[in-house]
Amino acid sequence: MRAAPVTDWRPVLAPAIVRRHDPVRDADLLLLPERVGVLTGRAETVVGLCDGTRSVCEIVDALAERFPGAPVATDVPTFLERLRKEGWLR
């Protein structure tokens, strides 16, 4: 059985991460030394809420209000946990 993501965690970008918008590609990026992550879809909106002050539950609530009917309660915690495992969030 897979453990549920921690929802009282307050995600924030790891110290070495820089968020940038690439106007040439019209893409939002997460930059790390020797790595680049391209944020597609609403990922930039989700990552933008990861400022260390909001818990995962608060991020989900904010997104559910902004995008009614979207499956944020199930998708966002899993997405954030995946970013944490990759080292993008702490």
Protein backbone atom coordinates (compact mmCIF):
# COMPACT_ATOMS: atom_id res chain seq x y z
CA MET A 1 0.00 0.00 0.00
CA ARG A 2 1.27 3.46 -0.90
CA ALA A 3 1.53 6.11 1.84
CA ALA A 4 -0.59 9.23 1.42
CA PRO A 5 1.30 12.49 0.88
CA VAL A 6 1.79 14.60 3.99
CA THR A 7 -0.78 17.39 3.90
CA ASP A 8 0.48 19.54 6.82
CA TRP A 9 3.84 20.04 5.06
CA ARG A 10 4.49 23.66 3.95
CA PRO A 11 6.31 23.27 0.63
CA VAL A 12 8.88 25.79 -0.54
CA LEU A 13 11.34 25.72 -3.42
CA ALA A 14 14.71 24.24 -2.51
CA PRO A 15 17.36 26.95 -1.96
CA ALA A 16 19.22 26.30 -5.24
CA ILE A 17 16.05 26.51 -7.37
CA VAL A 18 15.27 29.58 -9.47
CA ARG A 19 11.90 30.15 -11.17
CA ARG A 20 12.07 31.78 -14.57
CA HIS A 21 9.80 32.40 -17.52
CA ASP A 22 11.40 31.73 -20.90
CA PRO A 23 9.73 34.21 -23.28
CA VAL A 24 11.24 32.55 -26.37
CA ARG A 25 9.54 29.22 -25.58
CA ASP A 26 6.73 30.84 -23.57
CA ALA A 27 7.45 28.30 -20.84
CA ASP A 28 7.81 28.49 -17.07
CA LEU A 29 10.99 26.86 -15.79
CA LEU A 30 12.60 25.68 -12.59
CA LEU A 31 16.36 26.05 -12.85
CA LEU A 32 18.89 24.07 -10.86
CA PRO A 33 22.58 23.73 -11.57
CA GLU A 34 22.80 21.26 -14.47
CA ARG A 35 19.01 20.62 -14.50
CA VAL A 36 15.95 22.37 -15.88
CA GLY A 37 12.33 21.53 -15.17
CA VAL A 38 9.65 22.77 -17.54
CA LEU A 39 6.33 23.51 -15.85
CA THR A 40 3.40 22.64 -18.09
CA GLY A 41 -0.32 23.13 -17.69
CA ARG A 42 -1.21 24.58 -14.29
CA ALA A 43 2.05 23.44 -12.67
CA GLU A 44 3.36 27.04 -12.48
CA THR A 45 0.21 28.06 -10.60
CA VAL A 46 0.71 25.22 -8.11
CA VAL A 47 4.43 25.89 -7.66
CA GLY A 48 3.73 29.60 -7.29
CA LEU A 49 1.76 28.84 -4.13
CA CYS A 50 4.69 26.93 -2.61
CA ASP A 51 6.13 29.78 -0.56
CA GLY A 52 6.60 27.97 2.75
CA THR A 53 3.67 29.72 4.41
CA ARG A 54 0.83 27.56 3.06
CA SER A 55 0.27 23.92 3.95
CA VAL A 56 -0.59 21.44 1.23
CA CYS A 57 -4.21 21.59 2.44
CA GLU A 58 -4.23 25.38 2.08
CA ILE A 59 -2.73 25.12 -1.41
CA VAL A 60 -5.40 22.57 -2.38
CA ASP A 61 -8.16 24.81 -0.98
CA ALA A 62 -6.86 27.85 -2.89
CA LEU A 63 -6.66 25.88 -6.13
CA ALA A 64 -10.08 24.28 -5.64
CA GLU A 65 -11.56 27.74 -5.29
CA ARG A 66 -9.72 28.98 -8.38
CA PHE A 67 -10.48 25.89 -10.50
CA PRO A 68 -13.87 24.48 -9.42
CA GLY A 69 -14.43 20.90 -10.46
CA ALA A 70 -10.73 20.16 -11.06
CA PRO A 71 -9.35 17.11 -9.20
CA VAL A 72 -6.93 19.21 -7.11
CA ALA A 73 -7.56 17.29 -3.87
CA THR A 74 -6.08 14.15 -5.38
CA ASP A 75 -3.66 15.47 -7.99
CA VAL A 76 -1.92 18.36 -6.20
CA PRO A 77 -0.61 16.52 -3.10
CA THR A 78 0.78 13.76 -5.31
CA PHE A 79 2.39 16.32 -7.66
CA LEU A 80 3.99 18.20 -4.75
CA GLU A 81 5.30 15.00 -3.21
CA ARG A 82 6.85 14.03 -6.55
CA LEU A 83 8.60 17.43 -6.73
CA ARG A 84 9.88 16.94 -3.19
CA LYS A 85 11.31 13.51 -4.06
CA GLU A 86 13.05 15.05 -7.08
CA GLY A 87 14.64 17.68 -4.82
CA TRP A 88 12.77 20.68 -6.23
CA LEU A 89 10.80 21.34 -3.04
CA ARG A 90 11.66 21.03 0.61
